[in-house]
Amino acid sequence: MDLGFYSVNWDFNFLSIFFAQAPAKVIFDLFIIGGWVILGYFVINAGILLWVNYRQEKFTHNWEWQVLAIDIPALNIQTPMAVEQMFSQISGAFNHVDITEKYWHGFKQQWFSFEVISIEGYIQFLVRTEKTFRDLVETAVYAQYPDAEIVEVEDYVKNLPDVFPNEEYEMWAADFGPTENWAYPIRTYEEFEHKISKDTVLKDPMGTFLESFARLNSGEQMWFQIIVEPISNHWKEEVIEKIEEIAGVGHAHGGGLSGALDKLPDATLKTLEFIGDQVFGREGGEAEEHEKEEKKELSPGQGKLIEGMENKIQKTGFKTKMRGLYVARKEVFRKERGVHALMGAVSQFNIPNANSLAAVYKTAATSFFAKSIINYRKNLLMKAYKKRKIKAGSNPYVLNIMELATLWHFPMSHVKTPLLQKAAAKQSEPPTGLPVESLLNPVWASGENRTKKIEEGKSPKIGYTTDAGHINYDDNLPFA
């Protein structure tokens, strides 16, 4: 074969090519004929990936992450539906971008991390957000929980080591995800409702979750995060395709080359059946009609599954990653208490004939290099947790706002978790008759008098100054 600039001695007898020529010559000939196309494809893709990563690093260079502690009043009668509305409002952070913004400017969608942590049994609800969307998070929370308290706190992950094995600490970590296709639904809060007489009582699944967190002792910590990234509605198309596959209608196979190859055997059989109908005079119409009737017949389980999937696409979805971590000092590390309790709490959201949640990527291995694999995964998952990385570890998936609200919501007041941080009391406005000067020119008690007032539950302010410079004393002034 003469390519002009290079001549390839190509014999169509493949064996003679490989045995008559040197291996290096054969490889070079194959590269000249068409191998460079494959190599070029990988080189171009690698170049695009490196470029996008470079631009995204510049795009995210000025991002400032904040960790917000959220405390709610002890008397909370809001169901998880309130948190569902909260997630719905947060989905407004999604940005539609074009190719230029994505590949040239390196645009990267901001994400959020909703977390529950237990440090030696003390439990706190947290949200990690980029500074730009702090107002959005606070607005979404206050809209559903007007009496909540939101305070920025230091990131708790800084207090533990990054590298394992470690001399002081031992850890276990896992990415939790669906065991089936994520298009199948998990158990939601509506299925935890018990109807007693005329009243509907929610058997709050967060009670089981928090109970496992509250049992930790000194030196133990349990972290759980749900990372969510706003996305478009294209995910619903995949769910619809899955529904059609179960129902036996529409496109049973995926698109692209693999989908075409999957359809090839069916197309061949149908062609042969058509030829047989024409030769032997069979009526293909009746066979097709019978086939359609068979496809319409679904088992009760399939019908319920399709109903659940249809309900799933009626609500907003997020790209999601769930990650749990149990870490403790070596002398108190008890995997059977911390890990098994967390696994049991997560399993309550399973539906046997639909979908289940399990540890799909964890710090465990049974191969010959098990110790090295476990240490690698410990460092990977610890770093991924601290950085709140959605792509590290197992693949992300899509959950809708109802599923997310079931997994992460503030417990109702009947859930007894004594070490859960809650808002102390409802904050009230100052008295209506209070002079304006008292808010601008308070006079503070000092020394023993100030300490005594605080211990008695009174305001450390002793009065306020008027325009004339006089002091009006009032022990009922609000605390500073």
Protein backbone atom coordinates (compact mmCIF):
# COMPACT_ATOMS: atom_id res chain seq x y z
CA MET A 1 0.00 0.00 0.00
CA ASP A 2 1.49 3.29 -1.15
CA LEU A 3 0.50 6.30 0.96
CA GLY A 4 2.71 8.67 -1.00
CA PHE A 5 5.07 9.56 1.84
CA TYR A 6 5.28 5.98 3.09
CA SER A 7 4.87 2.53 1.54
CA VAL A 8 3.39 -0.32 3.56
CA ASN A 9 4.14 -3.87 2.51
CA TRP A 10 0.68 -5.23 3.35
CA ASP A 11 -0.13 -8.80 2.49
CA PHE A 12 -3.72 -9.90 3.00
CA ASN A 13 -2.42 -13.11 4.42
CA PHE A 14 -2.33 -11.92 8.03
CA LEU A 15 -0.10 -14.75 9.26
CA SER A 16 2.59 -13.98 6.72
CA ILE A 17 2.55 -10.33 7.83
CA PHE A 18 3.16 -11.10 11.47
CA PHE A 19 5.75 -13.82 10.89
CA ALA A 20 7.58 -12.41 7.89
CA GLN A 21 8.13 -8.91 9.35
CA ALA A 22 9.65 -7.73 12.58
CA PRO A 23 7.12 -6.96 15.34
CA ALA A 24 8.20 -3.32 15.44
CA LYS A 25 7.55 -3.01 11.70
CA VAL A 26 4.08 -4.55 12.02
CA ILE A 27 3.15 -2.16 14.83
CA PHE A 28 4.44 0.82 12.88
CA ASP A 29 2.49 -0.28 9.78
CA LEU A 30 -0.72 -0.57 11.79
CA PHE A 31 -0.13 2.86 13.28
CA ILE A 32 0.36 4.42 9.83
CA ILE A 33 -2.75 2.77 8.40
CA GLY A 34 -5.17 3.81 11.13
CA GLY A 35 -3.70 3.54 14.60
CA TRP A 36 -2.88 7.24 14.68
CA VAL A 37 -6.61 7.98 14.60
CA ILE A 38 -7.17 6.09 17.84
CA LEU A 39 -4.10 7.63 19.44
CA GLY A 40 -5.15 11.08 18.29
CA TYR A 41 -8.62 10.57 19.79
CA PHE A 42 -7.17 9.80 23.22
CA VAL A 43 -4.64 12.65 22.99
CA ILE A 44 -7.34 15.19 22.07
CA ASN A 45 -9.64 14.01 24.86
CA ALA A 46 -6.82 14.15 27.38
CA GLY A 47 -5.95 17.65 26.21
CA ILE A 48 -9.55 18.83 26.55
CA LEU A 49 -9.76 17.32 30.04
CA LEU A 50 -6.56 19.02 31.17
CA TRP A 51 -7.72 22.34 29.71
CA VAL A 52 -11.12 22.14 31.42
CA ASN A 53 -9.51 21.27 34.76
CA TYR A 54 -7.14 24.20 34.39
CA ARG A 55 -9.95 26.64 33.60
CA GLN A 56 -12.13 25.27 36.42
CA GLU A 57 -9.33 25.77 38.93
CA LYS A 58 -9.11 29.42 37.89
CA PHE A 59 -12.91 29.75 37.97
CA THR A 60 -13.16 28.34 41.52
CA HIS A 61 -10.02 30.03 42.86
CA ASN A 62 -11.95 32.77 44.67
CA TRP A 63 -14.69 30.56 46.09
CA GLU A 64 -15.14 30.88 49.85
CA TRP A 65 -16.75 27.96 51.65
CA GLN A 66 -18.75 28.50 54.83
CA VAL A 67 -20.13 25.97 57.32
CA LEU A 68 -23.45 26.96 58.86
CA ALA A 69 -24.77 25.37 62.06
CA ILE A 70 -28.58 25.24 62.09
CA ASP A 71 -30.48 24.96 65.38
CA ILE A 72 -34.24 24.67 65.50
CA PRO A 73 -36.58 25.20 68.47
CA ALA A 74 -37.27 22.22 70.71
CA LEU A 75 -40.95 22.38 69.76
CA ASN A 76 -40.82 21.46 66.08
CA ILE A 77 -44.06 20.30 64.47
CA GLN A 78 -42.82 20.63 60.90
CA THR A 79 -42.76 17.41 58.89
CA PRO A 80 -40.05 16.57 56.33
CA MET A 81 -42.23 18.31 53.75
CA ALA A 82 -40.81 21.60 55.05
CA VAL A 83 -37.27 20.45 54.22
CA GLU A 84 -38.54 19.25 50.85
CA GLN A 85 -39.63 22.82 50.12
CA MET A 86 -36.25 24.00 51.37
CA PHE A 87 -34.45 21.78 48.84
CA SER A 88 -36.81 23.01 46.14
CA GLN A 89 -35.80 26.61 46.84
CA ILE A 90 -32.09 25.73 46.88
CA SER A 91 -32.43 24.20 43.40
CA GLY A 92 -32.62 27.80 42.20
CA ALA A 93 -28.80 27.85 42.38
CA PHE A 94 -28.66 25.93 39.10
CA ASN A 95 -27.10 27.84 36.21
CA HIS A 96 -27.75 27.04 32.56
CA VAL A 97 -24.47 27.42 30.68
CA ASP A 98 -23.42 27.06 27.06
CA ILE A 99 -20.34 25.39 25.58
CA THR A 100 -18.30 28.60 25.74
CA GLU A 101 -18.91 29.10 29.45
CA LYS A 102 -18.18 25.45 30.21
CA TYR A 103 -15.07 24.82 28.11
CA TRP A 104 -13.56 28.30 27.77
CA HIS A 105 -14.44 30.03 31.03
CA GLY A 106 -14.33 26.77 33.02
CA PHE A 107 -17.73 27.25 34.66
CA LYS A 108 -18.40 24.85 37.50
CA GLN A 109 -21.74 24.46 39.23
CA GLN A 110 -21.68 25.22 42.94
CA TRP A 111 -22.85 22.44 45.22
CA PHE A 112 -24.04 22.09 48.81
CA SER A 113 -23.32 19.62 51.59
CA PHE A 114 -26.06 18.83 54.13
CA GLU A 115 -24.52 17.16 57.15
CA VAL A 116 -25.30 15.60 60.49
CA ILE A 117 -22.39 15.07 62.86
CA SER A 118 -21.95 13.58 66.29
CA ILE A 119 -18.88 14.51 68.29
CA GLU A 120 -18.78 12.32 71.39
CA GLY A 121 -22.58 12.10 71.31
CA TYR A 122 -23.33 15.79 70.75
CA ILE A 123 -25.28 16.16 67.52
CA GLN A 124 -25.38 19.13 65.15
CA PHE A 125 -27.05 19.80 61.79
CA LEU A 126 -24.80 21.66 59.34
CA VAL A 127 -24.88 23.01 55.82
CA ARG A 128 -21.71 23.79 53.88
CA THR A 129 -22.17 26.29 51.09
CA GLU A 130 -20.18 28.61 48.92
CA LYS A 131 -20.39 32.17 50.25
CA THR A 132 -22.34 33.35 47.20
CA PHE A 133 -25.31 31.16 48.15
CA ARG A 134 -25.33 31.68 51.90
CA ASP A 135 -28.28 34.05 51.62
CA LEU A 136 -30.15 31.47 49.54
CA VAL A 137 -29.59 28.78 52.19
CA GLU A 138 -30.63 31.05 55.05
CA THR A 139 -33.71 32.24 53.18
CA ALA A 140 -34.73 28.67 52.43
CA VAL A 141 -34.35 27.65 56.09
CA TYR A 142 -36.06 30.69 57.59
CA ALA A 143 -38.96 30.39 55.15
CA GLN A 144 -39.83 27.01 56.70
CA TYR A 145 -38.39 27.49 60.22
CA PRO A 146 -38.76 31.18 61.16
CA ASP A 147 -37.43 30.58 64.70
CA ALA A 148 -34.30 28.72 63.61
CA GLU A 149 -30.84 29.98 64.51
CA ILE A 150 -28.12 29.90 61.86
CA VAL A 151 -24.52 30.59 62.86
CA GLU A 152 -21.31 30.26 60.89
CA VAL A 153 -18.90 27.87 62.61
CA GLU A 154 -15.40 26.58 62.04
CA ASP A 155 -15.18 23.50 59.86
CA TYR A 156 -15.03 20.52 62.22
CA VAL A 157 -13.09 18.31 59.77
CA LYS A 158 -9.89 20.24 60.49
CA ASN A 159 -9.59 18.60 63.90
CA LEU A 160 -8.80 15.13 62.57
CA PRO A 161 -5.78 13.83 60.61
CA ASP A 162 -5.70 13.57 56.83
CA VAL A 163 -3.47 10.53 56.46
CA PHE A 164 -4.09 6.96 57.59
CA PRO A 165 -2.83 4.72 59.14
CA ASN A 166 -2.50 7.09 62.08
CA GLU A 167 -0.90 6.58 65.48
CA GLU A 168 -3.87 8.00 67.43
CA TYR A 169 -7.00 7.43 65.32
CA GLU A 170 -8.72 4.62 63.46
CA MET A 171 -11.49 5.19 60.91
CA TRP A 172 -14.10 3.59 58.70
CA ALA A 173 -15.77 5.35 55.79
CA ALA A 174 -18.12 4.54 52.93
CA ASP A 175 -20.02 6.05 50.04
CA PHE A 176 -23.69 5.08 50.25
CA GLY A 177 -25.68 4.63 47.07
CA PRO A 178 -28.54 2.70 45.43
CA THR A 179 -27.99 -0.99 44.82
CA GLU A 180 -30.21 -0.84 41.72
CA ASN A 181 -30.49 1.75 38.98
CA TRP A 182 -31.02 5.16 40.59
CA ALA A 183 -34.19 5.58 38.52
CA TYR A 184 -35.90 3.20 40.96
CA PRO A 185 -37.28 5.00 44.07
CA ILE A 186 -36.33 4.53 47.71
CA ARG A 187 -38.65 4.67 50.70
CA THR A 188 -39.84 8.22 51.40
CA TYR A 189 -41.28 9.87 54.50
CA GLU A 190 -44.89 9.34 53.39
CA GLU A 191 -44.37 5.61 53.84
CA PHE A 192 -43.32 6.15 57.46
CA GLU A 193 -46.75 7.55 58.34
CA HIS A 194 -48.99 5.56 60.70
CA LYS A 195 -52.70 6.33 60.67
CA ILE A 196 -54.24 6.08 64.12
CA SER A 197 -57.94 6.97 64.29
CA LYS A 198 -58.32 10.26 62.46
CA ASP A 199 -54.77 11.39 63.12
CA THR A 200 -51.73 10.62 60.99
CA VAL A 201 -48.55 10.08 62.98
CA LEU A 202 -45.13 10.21 61.35
CA LYS A 203 -42.76 7.56 62.67
CA ASP A 204 -39.86 9.89 62.06
CA PRO A 205 -36.98 7.92 60.47
CA MET A 206 -34.58 10.55 61.78
CA GLY A 207 -35.20 9.17 65.27
CA THR A 208 -33.41 5.91 64.41
CA PHE A 209 -30.68 7.85 62.66
CA LEU A 210 -29.97 10.20 65.55
CA GLU A 211 -30.20 7.46 68.17
CA SER A 212 -27.17 5.76 66.64
CA PHE A 213 -25.35 9.11 66.70
CA ALA A 214 -26.25 9.86 70.31
CA ARG A 215 -24.70 6.62 71.61
CA LEU A 216 -21.13 7.68 70.87
CA ASN A 217 -18.78 8.08 73.83
CA SER A 218 -15.69 10.17 74.53
CA GLY A 219 -13.15 10.02 71.72
CA GLU A 220 -15.68 8.92 69.06
CA GLN A 221 -17.10 10.88 66.12
CA MET A 222 -19.64 10.08 63.43
CA TRP A 223 -20.00 12.21 60.29
CA PHE A 224 -22.65 11.94 57.61
CA GLN A 225 -22.94 14.18 54.56
CA ILE A 226 -25.29 14.41 51.60
CA ILE A 227 -23.66 16.38 48.80
CA VAL A 228 -26.18 17.80 46.33
CA GLU A 229 -25.54 19.58 43.06
CA PRO A 230 -28.38 21.31 41.16
CA ILE A 231 -28.91 19.85 37.68
CA SER A 232 -31.25 20.27 34.72
CA ASN A 233 -34.28 18.06 34.07
CA HIS A 234 -32.51 15.80 31.55
CA TRP A 235 -32.25 13.08 34.20
CA LYS A 236 -35.98 12.48 33.86
CA GLU A 237 -35.50 11.18 30.33
CA GLU A 238 -33.44 8.27 31.66
CA VAL A 239 -36.16 7.42 34.17
CA ILE A 240 -38.78 7.49 31.41
CA GLU A 241 -36.67 5.11 29.30
CA LYS A 242 -36.44 2.77 32.28
CA ILE A 243 -40.22 2.90 32.72
CA GLU A 244 -40.74 2.03 29.05
CA GLU A 245 -38.28 -0.84 29.39
CA ILE A 246 -40.24 -2.31 32.33
CA ALA A 247 -43.55 -1.77 30.57
CA GLY A 248 -42.21 -3.36 27.38
CA VAL A 249 -42.90 -0.35 25.18
CA GLY A 250 -40.80 2.28 23.49
CA HIS A 251 -37.03 1.91 23.37
CA ALA A 252 -35.93 -1.11 25.36
CA HIS A 253 -32.27 -0.48 24.61
CA GLY A 254 -29.98 2.48 24.94
CA GLY A 255 -28.83 4.68 22.13
CA GLY A 256 -25.55 4.76 20.28
CA LEU A 257 -23.54 1.89 18.85
CA SER A 258 -24.18 -0.43 21.80
CA GLY A 259 -27.91 0.16 21.54
CA ALA A 260 -27.86 -0.59 17.81
CA LEU A 261 -25.95 -3.82 18.41
CA ASP A 262 -28.46 -4.83 21.07
CA LYS A 263 -31.32 -4.27 18.64
CA LEU A 264 -29.66 -6.22 15.82
CA PRO A 265 -30.72 -9.75 16.97
CA ASP A 266 -34.33 -8.63 17.48
CA ALA A 267 -34.40 -7.00 14.05
CA THR A 268 -33.00 -10.14 12.45
CA LEU A 269 -35.62 -12.37 14.10
CA LYS A 270 -38.43 -10.05 13.09
CA THR A 271 -37.18 -10.08 9.49
CA LEU A 272 -37.13 -13.89 9.42
CA GLU A 273 -40.60 -14.00 10.97
CA PHE A 274 -41.89 -11.61 8.31
CA ILE A 275 -40.42 -13.78 5.50
CA GLY A 276 -41.98 -16.88 7.09
CA ASP A 277 -45.36 -15.15 7.27
CA GLN A 278 -45.18 -14.31 3.58
CA VAL A 279 -44.04 -17.82 2.53
CA PHE A 280 -46.47 -19.84 4.64
CA GLY A 281 -49.34 -17.38 4.53
CA ARG A 282 -49.42 -16.65 8.22
CA GLU A 283 -51.14 -13.52 9.46
CA GLY A 284 -48.49 -11.48 11.17
CA GLY A 285 -51.02 -8.91 12.32
CA GLU A 286 -52.55 -11.30 14.83
CA ALA A 287 -49.15 -12.26 16.21
CA GLU A 288 -48.23 -8.59 16.61
CA GLU A 289 -51.52 -7.86 18.32
CA HIS A 290 -50.99 -10.80 20.68
CA GLU A 291 -47.47 -9.56 21.43
CA LYS A 292 -48.78 -6.10 22.28
CA GLU A 293 -51.36 -7.56 24.65
CA GLU A 294 -48.66 -9.56 26.43
CA LYS A 295 -46.52 -6.45 26.85
CA LYS A 296 -49.37 -4.58 28.48
CA GLU A 297 -49.76 -7.19 31.23
CA LEU A 298 -47.74 -6.12 34.25
CA SER A 299 -47.42 -7.79 37.63
CA PRO A 300 -48.65 -5.86 40.69
CA GLY A 301 -45.03 -5.33 41.73
CA GLN A 302 -44.08 -3.89 38.34
CA GLY A 303 -47.09 -1.61 38.37
CA LYS A 304 -46.19 -0.27 41.81
CA LEU A 305 -42.57 0.19 40.73
CA ILE A 306 -43.59 2.20 37.68
CA GLU A 307 -45.90 4.30 39.84
CA GLY A 308 -43.01 5.09 42.18
CA MET A 309 -40.76 6.03 39.26
CA GLU A 310 -43.46 8.28 37.80
CA ASN A 311 -43.81 9.99 41.18
CA LYS A 312 -40.05 10.49 41.29
CA ILE A 313 -39.92 12.50 38.06
CA GLN A 314 -42.70 14.80 39.26
CA LYS A 315 -40.26 16.54 41.59
CA THR A 316 -36.96 18.38 41.23
CA GLY A 317 -33.82 16.26 41.26
CA PHE A 318 -30.23 16.78 42.41
CA LYS A 319 -27.01 14.99 41.55
CA THR A 320 -26.25 13.34 44.88
CA LYS A 321 -23.52 11.62 46.86
CA MET A 322 -23.95 10.28 50.41
CA ARG A 323 -20.89 9.60 52.53
CA GLY A 324 -20.55 8.38 56.12
CA LEU A 325 -17.50 8.25 58.36
CA TYR A 326 -16.83 6.82 61.81
CA VAL A 327 -13.55 7.84 63.45
CA ALA A 328 -12.32 7.36 66.99
CA ARG A 329 -9.20 7.07 69.06
CA LYS A 330 -7.74 3.60 68.74
CA GLU A 331 -8.41 2.67 72.36
CA VAL A 332 -12.18 3.33 72.00
CA PHE A 333 -12.72 2.47 68.32
CA ARG A 334 -15.60 -0.02 68.12
CA LYS A 335 -16.68 -0.75 64.57
CA GLU A 336 -19.55 -2.99 65.70
CA ARG A 337 -21.15 -0.04 67.48
CA GLY A 338 -20.50 2.94 65.23
CA VAL A 339 -20.51 1.37 61.77
CA HIS A 340 -23.29 -1.17 62.25
CA ALA A 341 -25.56 1.44 63.81
CA LEU A 342 -25.07 3.74 60.83
CA MET A 343 -25.64 0.93 58.32
CA GLY A 344 -28.83 -0.04 60.11
CA ALA A 345 -30.12 3.53 60.13
CA VAL A 346 -29.54 3.89 56.38
CA SER A 347 -31.21 0.55 55.58
CA GLN A 348 -34.60 1.74 56.84
CA PHE A 349 -35.06 3.61 53.55
CA ASN A 350 -34.93 0.39 51.49
CA ILE A 351 -37.75 -0.99 49.34
CA PRO A 352 -37.03 -4.68 48.57
CA ASN A 353 -38.86 -4.69 45.22
CA ALA A 354 -37.58 -1.27 44.13
CA ASN A 355 -34.31 0.14 45.46
CA SER A 356 -32.06 -0.08 48.50
CA LEU A 357 -29.26 2.03 49.94
CA ALA A 358 -25.99 0.35 50.87
CA ALA A 359 -22.28 1.02 51.28
CA VAL A 360 -21.27 0.71 47.63
CA TYR A 361 -17.66 1.88 48.15
CA LYS A 362 -16.11 1.42 51.58
CA THR A 363 -12.84 0.94 53.43
CA ALA A 364 -12.88 -2.84 53.08
CA ALA A 365 -11.32 -5.42 50.77
CA THR A 366 -10.78 -9.19 50.61
CA SER A 367 -8.12 -9.46 47.93
CA PHE A 368 -4.45 -10.36 48.33
CA PHE A 369 -3.54 -6.66 48.63
CA ALA A 370 -6.40 -5.95 51.06
CA LYS A 371 -4.35 -3.89 53.52
CA SER A 372 -3.01 -1.56 50.81
CA ILE A 373 -6.46 -1.18 49.25
CA ILE A 374 -8.06 -0.36 52.60
CA ASN A 375 -5.43 2.27 53.43
CA TYR A 376 -5.82 3.79 49.96
CA ARG A 377 -9.59 4.03 50.39
CA LYS A 378 -9.26 5.48 53.88
CA ASN A 379 -7.15 8.36 52.58
CA LEU A 380 -9.33 8.80 49.50
CA LEU A 381 -12.62 8.95 51.43
CA MET A 382 -11.22 11.13 54.22
CA LYS A 383 -9.96 13.64 51.68
CA ALA A 384 -13.20 13.40 49.70
CA TYR A 385 -15.24 14.02 52.85
CA LYS A 386 -13.19 17.02 53.92
CA LYS A 387 -13.25 18.54 50.41
CA ARG A 388 -16.92 17.51 49.91
CA LYS A 389 -16.05 15.91 46.56
CA ILE A 390 -19.02 14.51 44.71
CA LYS A 391 -17.09 12.53 42.09
CA ALA A 392 -14.52 10.78 44.30
CA GLY A 393 -15.23 7.18 45.24
CA SER A 394 -18.44 5.75 43.81
CA ASN A 395 -20.43 7.34 41.00
CA PRO A 396 -23.00 10.01 41.89
CA TYR A 397 -26.69 9.45 41.24
CA VAL A 398 -29.95 11.40 41.19
CA LEU A 399 -32.39 11.75 44.09
CA ASN A 400 -35.40 14.03 44.05
CA ILE A 401 -36.23 16.55 46.77
CA MET A 402 -38.67 14.19 48.50
CA GLU A 403 -36.05 11.46 48.80
CA LEU A 404 -33.48 13.98 50.05
CA ALA A 405 -35.88 15.40 52.64
CA THR A 406 -36.51 11.86 53.91
CA LEU A 407 -32.80 11.27 54.39
CA TRP A 408 -31.95 14.68 55.89
CA HIS A 409 -34.46 16.69 57.89
CA PHE A 410 -34.81 18.24 61.31
CA PRO A 411 -36.41 15.82 63.78
CA MET A 412 -39.90 16.48 65.03
CA SER A 413 -40.40 17.33 68.69
CA HIS A 414 -41.51 13.79 69.62
CA VAL A 415 -38.04 12.47 68.67
CA LYS A 416 -36.20 12.36 71.99
CA THR A 417 -32.52 13.09 71.36
CA PRO A 418 -31.23 14.87 74.49
CA LEU A 419 -27.82 15.83 73.07
CA LEU A 420 -29.17 17.39 69.88
CA GLN A 421 -28.28 21.07 69.66
CA LYS A 422 -31.50 23.11 69.45
CA ALA A 423 -32.40 26.78 69.54
CA ALA A 424 -32.74 27.86 73.16
CA ALA A 425 -35.86 29.98 72.88
CA LYS A 426 -37.87 32.09 70.54
CA GLN A 427 -36.39 35.54 70.13
CA SER A 428 -38.86 38.36 70.63
CA GLU A 429 -38.90 42.00 69.65
CA PRO A 430 -38.16 44.76 72.23
CA PRO A 431 -41.15 46.23 74.13
CA THR A 432 -43.19 48.68 72.08
CA GLY A 433 -42.83 51.50 74.62
CA LEU A 434 -39.08 51.25 74.91
CA PRO A 435 -37.34 54.61 74.15
CA VAL A 436 -35.20 54.64 71.05
CA GLU A 437 -32.26 55.93 73.09
CA SER A 438 -32.08 52.65 74.98
CA LEU A 439 -31.11 50.86 71.85
CA LEU A 440 -28.45 53.39 70.94
CA ASN A 441 -26.91 54.35 74.30
CA PRO A 442 -27.05 51.42 76.75
CA VAL A 443 -25.34 51.74 80.11
CA TRP A 444 -23.65 48.50 81.21
CA ALA A 445 -23.30 47.19 84.72
CA SER A 446 -19.73 46.32 85.61
CA GLY A 447 -17.81 44.13 88.03
CA GLU A 448 -19.72 42.12 90.65
CA ASN A 449 -22.99 43.86 89.84
CA ARG A 450 -22.80 42.68 86.19
CA THR A 451 -21.94 39.10 87.19
CA LYS A 452 -24.77 38.99 89.70
CA LYS A 453 -27.32 40.18 87.15
CA ILE A 454 -26.26 37.54 84.64
CA GLU A 455 -26.50 34.77 87.26
CA GLU A 456 -30.00 35.97 88.20
CA GLY A 457 -31.05 35.79 84.56
CA LYS A 458 -31.37 39.57 84.28
CA SER A 459 -29.93 41.91 81.73
CA PRO A 460 -26.37 43.11 82.37
CA LYS A 461 -27.65 46.51 81.19
CA ILE A 462 -28.77 48.70 84.08
CA GLY A 463 -30.39 51.45 82.08
CA TYR A 464 -30.13 53.81 79.19
CA THR A 465 -29.19 57.45 78.72
CA THR A 466 -31.65 60.07 77.58
CA ASP A 467 -30.96 63.10 75.44
CA ALA A 468 -30.43 65.10 78.65
CA GLY A 469 -27.75 62.69 79.82
CA HIS A 470 -29.82 61.16 82.67
CA ILE A 471 -29.83 57.39 83.34
CA ASN A 472 -33.16 55.59 83.52
CA TYR A 473 -32.74 52.25 85.36
CA ASP A 474 -34.59 49.20 84.08
CA ASP A 475 -33.76 45.54 84.91
CA ASN A 476 -36.20 44.33 82.26
CA LEU A 477 -34.12 45.51 79.32
CA PRO A 478 -33.45 42.71 76.82
CA PHE A 479 -30.12 40.91 76.87
CA ALA A 480 -27.40 42.15 74.55
